[in-house]
C-alpha atoms as a PDB file:
ATOM      1  CA  UNK A   1      50.473-111.652  22.568  1.00  0.00           C
ATOM      2  CA  UNK A   2      53.800-111.397  20.755  1.00  0.00           C
ATOM      3  CA  UNK A   3      54.432-107.907  22.143  1.00  0.00           C
ATOM      4  CA  UNK A   4      53.395-108.978  25.640  1.00  0.00           C
ATOM      5  CA  UNK A   5      55.832-111.904  25.559  1.00  0.00           C
ATOM      6  CA  UNK A   6      58.568-109.644  24.211  1.00  0.00           C
ATOM      7  CA  UNK A   7      58.057-107.194  27.077  1.00  0.00           C
ATOM      8  CA  UNK A   8      58.070-110.074  29.567  1.00  0.00           C
ATOM      9  CA  UNK A   9      61.365-111.312  28.106  1.00  0.00           C
ATOM     10  CA  UNK A  10      62.816-107.801  28.086  1.00  0.00           C
ATOM     11  CA  UNK A  11      61.969-107.140  31.731  1.00  0.00           C
ATOM     12  CA  UNK A  12      62.671-110.732  32.917  1.00  0.00           C
ATOM     13  CA  UNK A  13      59.610-110.605  35.134  1.00  0.00           C
ATOM     14  CA  UNK A  14      60.158-114.182  36.256  1.00  0.00           C
ATOM     15  CA  UNK A  15      63.327-112.930  37.970  1.00  0.00           C
ATOM     16  CA  UNK A  16      61.291-110.135  39.527  1.00  0.00           C
ATOM     17  CA  UNK A  17      58.891-112.602  41.123  1.00  0.00           C
ATOM     18  CA  UNK A  18      61.815-114.612  42.499  1.00  0.00           C
ATOM     19  CA  UNK A  19      63.296-111.436  43.980  1.00  0.00           C
ATOM     20  CA  UNK A  20      59.980-110.663  45.652  1.00  0.00           C
ATOM     21  CA  UNK A  21      59.841-114.153  47.153  1.00  0.00           C
ATOM     22  CA  UNK A  22      63.225-113.390  48.729  1.00  0.00           C
ATOM     23  CA  UNK A  23      61.842-110.053  50.012  1.00  0.00           C
ATOM     24  CA  UNK A  24      58.800-111.860  51.417  1.00  0.00           C
ATOM     25  CA  UNK A  25      61.009-114.399  53.196  1.00  0.00           C
ATOM     26  CA  UNK A  26      63.047-111.640  54.825  1.00  0.00           C
ATOM     27  CA  UNK A  27      59.852-109.840  55.872  1.00  0.00           C
ATOM     28  CA  UNK A  28      58.219-112.978  57.275  1.00  0.00           C
ATOM     29  CA  UNK A  29      61.263-113.750  59.403  1.00  0.00           C
ATOM     30  CA  UNK A  30      61.693-110.149  60.541  1.00  0.00           C
ATOM     31  CA  UNK A  31      58.008-109.751  61.387  1.00  0.00           C
ATOM     32  CA  UNK A  32      57.665-113.311  62.717  1.00  0.00           C
ATOM     33  CA  UNK A  33      54.430-113.514  60.789  1.00  0.00           C
ATOM     34  CA  UNK A  34      52.652-111.774  57.953  1.00  0.00           C
ATOM     35  CA  UNK A  35      53.859-108.176  57.486  1.00  0.00           C
ATOM     36  CA  UNK A  36      51.381-105.277  57.054  1.00  0.00           C
ATOM     37  CA  UNK A  37      49.681-105.267  53.662  1.00  0.00           C
ATOM     38  CA  UNK A  38      50.844-101.770  52.692  1.00  0.00           C
ATOM     39  CA  UNK A  39      54.476-102.624  53.445  1.00  0.00           C
ATOM     40  CA  UNK A  40      54.122-105.816  51.437  1.00  0.00           C
ATOM     41  CA  UNK A  41      52.619-104.087  48.395  1.00  0.00           C
ATOM     42  CA  UNK A  42      55.336-101.436  48.142  1.00  0.00           C
ATOM     43  CA  UNK A  43      58.011-104.034  48.953  1.00  0.00           C
ATOM     44  CA  UNK A  44      56.651-106.011  45.991  1.00  0.00           C
ATOM     45  CA  UNK A  45      56.785-103.161  43.504  1.00  0.00           C
ATOM     46  CA  UNK A  46      60.279-102.008  44.484  1.00  0.00           C
ATOM     47  CA  UNK A  47      62.245-105.064  43.273  1.00  0.00           C
ATOM     48  CA  UNK A  48      59.792-105.693  40.440  1.00  0.00           C
ATOM     49  CA  UNK A  49      60.160-102.210  38.932  1.00  0.00           C
ATOM     50  CA  UNK A  50      63.905-101.918  39.556  1.00  0.00           C
ATOM     51  CA  UNK A  51      64.599-105.362  38.136  1.00  0.00           C
ATOM     52  CA  UNK A  52      62.440-104.764  35.066  1.00  0.00           C
ATOM     53  CA  UNK A  53      63.918-101.349  34.346  1.00  0.00           C
ATOM     54  CA  UNK A  54      67.579-102.295  34.756  1.00  0.00           C
ATOM     55  CA  UNK A  55      67.225-105.487  32.699  1.00  0.00           C
ATOM     56  CA  UNK A  56      65.705-103.347  29.952  1.00  0.00           C
ATOM     57  CA  UNK A  57      68.617-100.918  30.148  1.00  0.00           C
ATOM     58  CA  UNK A  58      71.007-103.865  30.085  1.00  0.00           C
ATOM     59  CA  UNK A  59      69.510-105.154  26.825  1.00  0.00           C
ATOM     60  CA  UNK A  60      69.692-101.677  25.312  1.00  0.00           C
ATOM     61  CA  UNK A  61      73.430-101.381  25.960  1.00  0.00           C
ATOM     62  CA  UNK A  62      74.084-105.020  24.998  1.00  0.00           C
ATOM     63  CA  UNK A  63      72.098-104.917  21.758  1.00  0.00           C
ATOM     64  CA  UNK A  64      75.038-105.115  19.346  1.00  0.00           C
ATOM     65  CA  UNK A  65      76.917-107.711  21.396  1.00  0.00           C
ATOM     66  CA  UNK A  66      73.808-109.853  21.816  1.00  0.00           C
ATOM     67  CA  UNK A  67      73.203-109.662  18.074  1.00  0.00           C
ATOM     68  CA  UNK A  68      76.752-110.867  17.354  1.00  0.00           C
ATOM     69  CA  UNK A  69      76.301-113.670  19.881  1.00  0.00           C
ATOM     70  CA  UNK A  70      72.940-114.555  18.257  1.00  0.00           C
ATOM     71  CA  UNK A  71      71.097-114.204  21.557  1.00  0.00           C
ATOM     72  CA  UNK A  72      67.638-114.932  20.180  1.00  0.00           C
ATOM     73  CA  UNK A  73      66.324-115.083  23.738  1.00  0.00           C
ATOM     74  CA  UNK A  74      66.633-111.294  23.695  1.00  0.00           C
ATOM     75  CA  UNK A  75      63.549-109.560  22.211  1.00  0.00           C
ATOM     76  CA  UNK A  76      65.614-106.680  20.781  1.00  0.00           C
ATOM     77  CA  UNK A  77      67.779-109.147  18.849  1.00  0.00           C
ATOM     78  CA  UNK A  78      64.699-110.974  17.570  1.00  0.00           C
ATOM     79  CA  UNK A  79      63.300-107.653  16.371  1.00  0.00           C
ATOM     80  CA  UNK A  80      60.179-107.998  18.505  1.00  0.00           C
ATOM     81  CA  UNK A  81      60.857-104.619  20.125  1.00  0.00           C
ATOM     82  CA  UNK A  82      62.746-101.494  19.132  1.00  0.00           C
ATOM     83  CA  UNK A  83      65.808-100.563  21.253  1.00  0.00           C
ATOM     84  CA  UNK A  84      64.138 -97.285  22.204  1.00  0.00           C
ATOM     85  CA  UNK A  85      61.338 -99.287  23.849  1.00  0.00           C
ATOM     86  CA  UNK A  86      63.883-100.610  26.339  1.00  0.00           C
ATOM     87  CA  UNK A  87      64.818 -97.021  27.194  1.00  0.00           C
ATOM     88  CA  UNK A  88      61.160 -96.065  27.665  1.00  0.00           C
ATOM     89  CA  UNK A  89      60.693 -98.981  30.068  1.00  0.00           C
ATOM     90  CA  UNK A  90      63.763 -97.933  32.048  1.00  0.00           C
ATOM     91  CA  UNK A  91      62.837 -94.258  32.381  1.00  0.00           C
ATOM     92  CA  UNK A  92      59.277 -95.107  33.456  1.00  0.00           C
ATOM     93  CA  UNK A  93      59.852 -98.008  35.860  1.00  0.00           C
ATOM     94  CA  UNK A  94      63.158 -97.051  37.486  1.00  0.00           C
ATOM     95  CA  UNK A  95      61.869 -93.952  39.319  1.00  0.00           C
ATOM     96  CA  UNK A  96      58.679 -95.830  40.232  1.00  0.00           C
ATOM     97  CA  UNK A  97      60.796 -98.521  41.901  1.00  0.00           C
ATOM     98  CA  UNK A  98      62.702 -95.952  43.956  1.00  0.00           C
ATOM     99  CA  UNK A  99      59.444 -94.200  44.860  1.00  0.00           C
ATOM    100  CA  UNK A 100      57.858 -97.457  45.991  1.00  0.00           C
ATOM    101  CA  UNK A 101      60.782 -98.034  48.368  1.00  0.00           C
ATOM    102  CA  UNK A 102      60.198 -94.593  49.920  1.00  0.00           C
ATOM    103  CA  UNK A 103      56.735 -95.722  51.029  1.00  0.00           C
ATOM    104  CA  UNK A 104      58.237 -98.728  52.837  1.00  0.00           C
ATOM    105  CA  UNK A 105      60.731 -96.856  55.051  1.00  0.00           C
ATOM    106  CA  UNK A 106      63.854 -94.758  54.748  1.00  0.00           C
ATOM    107  CA  UNK A 107      66.235 -97.716  55.165  1.00  0.00           C
ATOM    108  CA  UNK A 108      64.580 -99.556  52.276  1.00  0.00           C
ATOM    109  CA  UNK A 109      64.677 -96.335  50.260  1.00  0.00           C
ATOM    110  CA  UNK A 110      68.426 -96.117  50.889  1.00  0.00           C
ATOM    111  CA  UNK A 111      68.964 -99.763  49.913  1.00  0.00           C
ATOM    112  CA  UNK A 112      66.884 -99.322  46.748  1.00  0.00           C
ATOM    113  CA  UNK A 113      68.692 -96.109  45.771  1.00  0.00           C
ATOM    114  CA  UNK A 114      72.169 -97.627  46.238  1.00  0.00           C
ATOM    115  CA  UNK A 115      71.178-100.825  44.454  1.00  0.00           C
ATOM    116  CA  UNK A 116      69.553 -98.892  41.614  1.00  0.00           C
ATOM    117  CA  UNK A 117      72.668 -96.760  41.179  1.00  0.00           C
ATOM    118  CA  UNK A 118      74.874 -99.864  41.127  1.00  0.00           C
ATOM    119  CA  UNK A 119      72.553-101.405  38.537  1.00  0.00           C
ATOM    120  CA  UNK A 120      73.060 -98.461  36.195  1.00  0.00           C
ATOM    121  CA  UNK A 121      76.831 -98.583  36.757  1.00  0.00           C
ATOM    122  CA  UNK A 122      76.721-102.287  35.936  1.00  0.00           C
ATOM    123  CA  UNK A 123      74.742-101.784  32.725  1.00  0.00           C
ATOM    124  CA  UNK A 124      76.978 -98.951  31.533  1.00  0.00           C
ATOM    125  CA  UNK A 125      80.423-100.092  32.692  1.00  0.00           C
ATOM    126  CA  UNK A 126      80.763-102.883  35.254  1.00  0.00           C
ATOM    127  CA  UNK A 127      79.641-105.685  32.932  1.00  0.00           C
ATOM    128  CA  UNK A 128      82.867-105.088  30.972  1.00  0.00           C
ATOM    129  CA  UNK A 129      84.769-105.965  34.143  1.00  0.00           C
ATOM    130  CA  UNK A 130      83.049-109.213  34.985  1.00  0.00           C
ATOM    131  CA  UNK A 131      85.523-109.891  37.753  1.00  0.00           C
ATOM    132  CA  UNK A 132      83.477-107.231  39.593  1.00  0.00           C
ATOM    133  CA  UNK A 133      80.179-107.684  37.768  1.00  0.00           C
ATOM    134  CA  UNK A 134      79.792-111.304  38.883  1.00  0.00           C
ATOM    135  CA  UNK A 135      79.766-110.234  42.505  1.00  0.00           C
ATOM    136  CA  UNK A 136      77.331-107.409  41.784  1.00  0.00           C
ATOM    137  CA  UNK A 137      74.823-109.850  40.264  1.00  0.00           C
ATOM    138  CA  UNK A 138      75.277-112.121  43.278  1.00  0.00           C
ATOM    139  CA  UNK A 139      74.620-109.093  45.497  1.00  0.00           C
ATOM    140  CA  UNK A 140      71.356-108.515  43.604  1.00  0.00           C
ATOM    141  CA  UNK A 141      70.347-112.076  44.466  1.00  0.00           C
ATOM    142  CA  UNK A 142      71.233-111.615  48.143  1.00  0.00           C
ATOM    143  CA  UNK A 143      70.039-108.099  49.006  1.00  0.00           C
ATOM    144  CA  UNK A 144      66.254-108.808  48.682  1.00  0.00           C
ATOM    145  CA  UNK A 145      66.390-110.892  51.893  1.00  0.00           C
ATOM    146  CA  UNK A 146      67.944-107.934  53.720  1.00  0.00           C
ATOM    147  CA  UNK A 147      65.482-105.541  52.074  1.00  0.00           C
ATOM    148  CA  UNK A 148      62.551-107.650  53.265  1.00  0.00           C
ATOM    149  CA  UNK A 149      63.931-107.822  56.784  1.00  0.00           C
ATOM    150  CA  UNK A 150      64.470-104.064  57.006  1.00  0.00           C
ATOM    151  CA  UNK A 151      60.962-103.456  55.635  1.00  0.00           C
ATOM    152  CA  UNK A 152      59.508-104.633  58.956  1.00  0.00           C
ATOM    153  CA  UNK A 153      62.308-104.345  61.504  1.00  0.00           C
ATOM    154  CA  UNK A 154      65.533-102.449  62.217  1.00  0.00           C
ATOM    155  CA  UNK A 155      67.101-105.627  63.611  1.00  0.00           C
ATOM    156  CA  UNK A 156      68.100-108.146  60.937  1.00  0.00           C
ATOM    157  CA  UNK A 157      67.984-111.713  62.319  1.00  0.00           C
ATOM    158  CA  UNK A 158      71.138-113.809  61.738  1.00  0.00           C
ATOM    159  CA  UNK A 159      69.105-116.310  59.713  1.00  0.00           C
ATOM    160  CA  UNK A 160      68.281-113.607  57.138  1.00  0.00           C
ATOM    161  CA  UNK A 161      71.978-112.801  56.777  1.00  0.00           C
ATOM    162  CA  UNK A 162      72.789-116.503  56.362  1.00  0.00           C
ATOM    163  CA  UNK A 163      70.144-116.950  53.662  1.00  0.00           C
ATOM    164  CA  UNK A 164      71.616-113.911  51.902  1.00  0.00           C
ATOM    165  CA  UNK A 165      75.075-115.494  52.001  1.00  0.00           C
ATOM    166  CA  UNK A 166      73.755-118.741  50.491  1.00  0.00           C
ATOM    167  CA  UNK A 167      72.057-116.774  47.700  1.00  0.00           C
ATOM    168  CA  UNK A 168      75.233-114.731  47.136  1.00  0.00           C
ATOM    169  CA  UNK A 169      77.482-117.788  46.791  1.00  0.00           C
ATOM    170  CA  UNK A 170      75.080-119.515  44.412  1.00  0.00           C
ATOM    171  CA  UNK A 171      74.797-116.327  42.375  1.00  0.00           C
ATOM    172  CA  UNK A 172      78.575-116.054  41.940  1.00  0.00           C
ATOM    173  CA  UNK A 173      78.700-119.641  40.695  1.00  0.00           C
ATOM    174  CA  UNK A 174      75.962-119.018  38.123  1.00  0.00           C
ATOM    175  CA  UNK A 175      77.603-115.839  36.864  1.00  0.00           C
ATOM    176  CA  UNK A 176      80.940-117.561  36.346  1.00  0.00           C
ATOM    177  CA  UNK A 177      79.112-120.223  34.333  1.00  0.00           C
ATOM    178  CA  UNK A 178      77.556-117.457  32.243  1.00  0.00           C
ATOM    179  CA  UNK A 179      81.020-115.984  31.663  1.00  0.00           C
ATOM    180  CA  UNK A 180      82.110-119.343  30.277  1.00  0.00           C
ATOM    181  CA  UNK A 181      79.050-119.394  27.991  1.00  0.00           C
ATOM    182  CA  UNK A 182      79.820-115.887  26.723  1.00  0.00           C
ATOM    183  CA  UNK A 183      83.583-116.355  26.520  1.00  0.00           C
ATOM    184  CA  UNK A 184      83.962-115.986  22.741  1.00  0.00           C
ATOM    185  CA  UNK A 185      81.817-112.858  22.551  1.00  0.00           C
ATOM    186  CA  UNK A 186      83.497-111.392  25.627  1.00  0.00           C
ATOM    187  CA  UNK A 187      86.937-112.092  24.207  1.00  0.00           C
ATOM    188  CA  UNK A 188      86.133-109.990  21.144  1.00  0.00           C
ATOM    189  CA  UNK A 189      85.068-107.129  23.446  1.00  0.00           C
ATOM    190  CA  UNK A 190      88.145-107.577  25.693  1.00  0.00           C
ATOM    191  CA  UNK A 191      85.929-108.131  28.697  1.00  0.00           C
ATOM    192  CA  UNK A 192      87.813-108.904  31.917  1.00  0.00           C
ATOM    193  CA  UNK A 193      86.361-112.178  33.160  1.00  0.00           C
ATOM    194  CA  UNK A 194      87.433-115.262  35.063  1.00  0.00           C
ATOM    195  CA  UNK A 195      87.644-117.402  31.880  1.00  0.00           C
ATOM    196  CA  UNK A 196      89.975-114.827  30.337  1.00  0.00           C
ATOM    197  CA  UNK A 197      92.462-115.099  33.203  1.00  0.00           C
ATOM    198  CA  UNK A 198      91.877-118.643  34.455  1.00  0.00           C
ATOM    199  CA  UNK A 199      90.694-120.435  31.337  1.00  0.00           C
ATOM    200  CA  UNK A 200      87.493-122.420  30.812  1.00  0.00           C
ATOM    201  CA  UNK A 201      88.479-125.438  32.889  1.00  0.00           C
ATOM    202  CA  UNK A 202      89.594-123.581  36.023  1.00  0.00           C
ATOM    203  CA  UNK A 203      86.644-121.206  35.805  1.00  0.00           C
ATOM    204  CA  UNK A 204      84.312-124.211  35.852  1.00  0.00           C
ATOM    205  CA  UNK A 205      86.096-125.480  38.962  1.00  0.00           C
ATOM    206  CA  UNK A 206      85.732-122.058  40.579  1.00  0.00           C
ATOM    207  CA  UNK A 207      81.985-122.006  39.877  1.00  0.00           C
ATOM    208  CA  UNK A 208      81.729-125.502  41.391  1.00  0.00           C
ATOM    209  CA  UNK A 209      83.594-124.262  44.471  1.00  0.00           C
ATOM    210  CA  UNK A 210      81.023-121.547  45.122  1.00  0.00           C
ATOM    211  CA  UNK A 211      78.172-124.035  44.679  1.00  0.00           C
ATOM    212  CA  UNK A 212      79.733-126.505  47.105  1.00  0.00           C
ATOM    213  CA  UNK A 213      80.241-123.831  49.778  1.00  0.00           C
ATOM    214  CA  UNK A 214      76.589-122.755  49.400  1.00  0.00           C
ATOM    215  CA  UNK A 215      75.491-126.381  49.804  1.00  0.00           C
ATOM    216  CA  UNK A 216      77.763-126.881  52.816  1.00  0.00           C
ATOM    217  CA  UNK A 217      76.182-124.040  54.795  1.00  0.00           C
ATOM    218  CA  UNK A 218      72.560-124.697  53.758  1.00  0.00           C
ATOM    219  CA  UNK A 219      71.924-127.188  56.650  1.00  0.00           C
ATOM    220  CA  UNK A 220      73.052-124.647  59.287  1.00  0.00           C
ATOM    221  CA  UNK A 221      69.526-123.197  59.797  1.00  0.00           C
ATOM    222  CA  UNK A 222      68.266-126.751  60.403  1.00  0.00           C
ATOM    223  CA  UNK A 223      71.079-127.725  62.766  1.00  0.00           C
ATOM    224  CA  UNK A 224      71.394-124.554  64.837  1.00  0.00           C
ATOM    225  CA  UNK A 225      68.840-122.248  66.441  1.00  0.00           C
ATOM    226  CA  UNK A 226      69.753-118.944  64.752  1.00  0.00           C
ATOM    227  CA  UNK A 227      66.277-117.509  64.182  1.00  0.00           C
ATOM    228  CA  UNK A 228      63.174-118.102  62.132  1.00  0.00           C
ATOM    229  CA  UNK A 229      61.462-121.470  62.133  1.00  0.00           C
ATOM    230  CA  UNK A 230      64.230-123.451  60.454  1.00  0.00           C
ATOM    231  CA  UNK A 231      65.666-125.253  63.475  1.00  0.00           C
ATOM    232  CA  UNK A 232      64.891-128.982  63.150  1.00  0.00           C
ATOM    233  CA  UNK A 233      62.360-128.094  60.445  1.00  0.00           C
ATOM    234  CA  UNK A 234      62.216-131.190  58.261  1.00  0.00           C
ATOM    235  CA  UNK A 235      60.043-129.451  55.674  1.00  0.00           C
ATOM    236  CA  UNK A 236      62.851-126.969  55.072  1.00  0.00           C
ATOM    237  CA  UNK A 237      65.511-129.690  55.079  1.00  0.00           C
ATOM    238  CA  UNK A 238      63.665-131.950  52.671  1.00  0.00           C
ATOM    239  CA  UNK A 239      63.117-129.221  50.075  1.00  0.00           C
ATOM    240  CA  UNK A 240      66.539-127.592  50.381  1.00  0.00           C
ATOM    241  CA  UNK A 241      68.190-130.976  49.870  1.00  0.00           C
ATOM    242  CA  UNK A 242      66.689-131.037  46.360  1.00  0.00           C
ATOM    243  CA  UNK A 243      68.494-127.782  45.621  1.00  0.00           C
ATOM    244  CA  UNK A 244      71.676-129.161  47.164  1.00  0.00           C
ATOM    245  CA  UNK A 245      71.563-132.299  45.018  1.00  0.00           C
ATOM    246  CA  UNK A 246      71.123-130.254  41.827  1.00  0.00           C
ATOM    247  CA  UNK A 247      73.990-127.927  42.739  1.00  0.00           C
ATOM    248  CA  UNK A 248      76.272-130.830  43.691  1.00  0.00           C
ATOM    249  CA  UNK A 249      75.397-132.629  40.467  1.00  0.00           C
ATOM    250  CA  UNK A 250      76.217-129.485  38.497  1.00  0.00           C
ATOM    251  CA  UNK A 251      79.461-129.079  40.453  1.00  0.00           C
ATOM    252  CA  UNK A 252      80.480-132.643  39.614  1.00  0.00           C
ATOM    253  CA  UNK A 253      79.858-132.007  35.919  1.00  0.00           C
ATOM    254  CA  UNK A 254      81.907-128.817  36.045  1.00  0.00           C
ATOM    255  CA  UNK A 255      84.723-130.531  37.916  1.00  0.00           C
ATOM    256  CA  UNK A 256      85.074-133.848  36.130  1.00  0.00           C
ATOM    257  CA  UNK A 257      83.764-133.458  32.577  1.00  0.00           C
ATOM    258  CA  UNK A 258      85.636-131.732  29.782  1.00  0.00           C
ATOM    259  CA  UNK A 259      82.589-130.987  27.628  1.00  0.00           C
ATOM    260  CA  UNK A 260      79.793-129.314  29.581  1.00  0.00           C
ATOM    261  CA  UNK A 261      76.533-127.909  28.260  1.00  0.00           C
ATOM    262  CA  UNK A 262      76.750-124.660  30.227  1.00  0.00           C
ATOM    263  CA  UNK A 263      73.473-123.351  28.828  1.00  0.00           C
ATOM    264  CA  UNK A 264      71.624-126.401  30.150  1.00  0.00           C
ATOM    265  CA  UNK A 265      73.245-126.243  33.576  1.00  0.00           C
ATOM    266  CA  UNK A 266      72.587-122.512  33.862  1.00  0.00           C
ATOM    267  CA  UNK A 267      68.883-123.297  33.437  1.00  0.00           C
ATOM    268  CA  UNK A 268      69.131-126.228  35.822  1.00  0.00           C
ATOM    269  CA  UNK A 269      70.733-124.112  38.535  1.00  0.00           C
ATOM    270  CA  UNK A 270      68.007-121.492  38.087  1.00  0.00           C
ATOM    271  CA  UNK A 271      65.492-124.233  38.880  1.00  0.00           C
ATOM    272  CA  UNK A 272      67.617-125.150  41.898  1.00  0.00           C
ATOM    273  CA  UNK A 273      67.539-121.550  43.109  1.00  0.00           C
ATOM    274  CA  UNK A 274      63.750-121.434  42.764  1.00  0.00           C
ATOM    275  CA  UNK A 275      63.407-124.665  44.765  1.00  0.00           C
ATOM    276  CA  UNK A 276      65.759-123.204  47.366  1.00  0.00           C
ATOM    277  CA  UNK A 277      63.532-120.137  47.642  1.00  0.00           C
ATOM    278  CA  UNK A 278      60.544-122.417  48.222  1.00  0.00           C
ATOM    279  CA  UNK A 279      62.519-124.153  50.982  1.00  0.00           C
ATOM    280  CA  UNK A 280      63.291-120.808  52.625  1.00  0.00           C
ATOM    281  CA  UNK A 281      59.652-119.737  52.240  1.00  0.00           C
ATOM    282  CA  UNK A 282      58.287-122.976  53.702  1.00  0.00           C
ATOM    283  CA  UNK A 283      60.688-122.664  56.606  1.00  0.00           C
ATOM    284  CA  UNK A 284      59.538-119.120  57.281  1.00  0.00           C
ATOM    285  CA  UNK A 285      55.832-120.044  57.101  1.00  0.00           C
ATOM    286  CA  UNK A 286      55.828-123.427  58.820  1.00  0.00           C
ATOM    287  CA  UNK A 287      58.204-122.288  61.514  1.00  0.00           C
END
């Protein structure tokens, strides 16, 4: 059980399931119903394998830094797994993720290949330039909607693009919060991040700005007929408002309080993102 939990933590499989929900939402909207089972299966394994493999590679390269930062949430730091295990996971699952995308269609294969390449660049280099890395992580949160849409159709509905934008903005906010959490360790490594150039206070305000913009555009699918089943869908509105309240509450804390428990609010915003995914999923199904 200990090894199984360590592997789960290494591969962040909970993130993988959230990515697949985003893929499923894009596919449901693009197909206007349930997509073919074979497409769905390979569309499931693509983000799952790529996410698991690149997170493993990330922990391999970050091992020494995570140890200095006492990141006991990392199984390599805890000593539950050897660093070479992370490499084994990467070299096995990464090509399987790319291969799975090939069986969806060539557009998805192209998206998976580009995203996989960017993931390696991030693990090896981009994370040291967090001014770029933050937007890459946000891209990873947004692209599954597009991937799901292209899995079933060559025409991406505007609603899928809008949902991707909401995910992207929220992702940038969360990554800036993480930069603030990791500021001391990043400073020792001379990492280029928003806190380094703006300071803790202004970086918190910037993260709040991205959250507020995401909240501001979240009612658009309800108010305007731009595709999917979101227009005047009160199920979608009721659930997404929970996410909006959490993000606005977090934004207020970041904007008006000097001492903020960034670790707590990072977890809280992850819950908000999951609830937002449920809202998007309900809108796609009920509509």
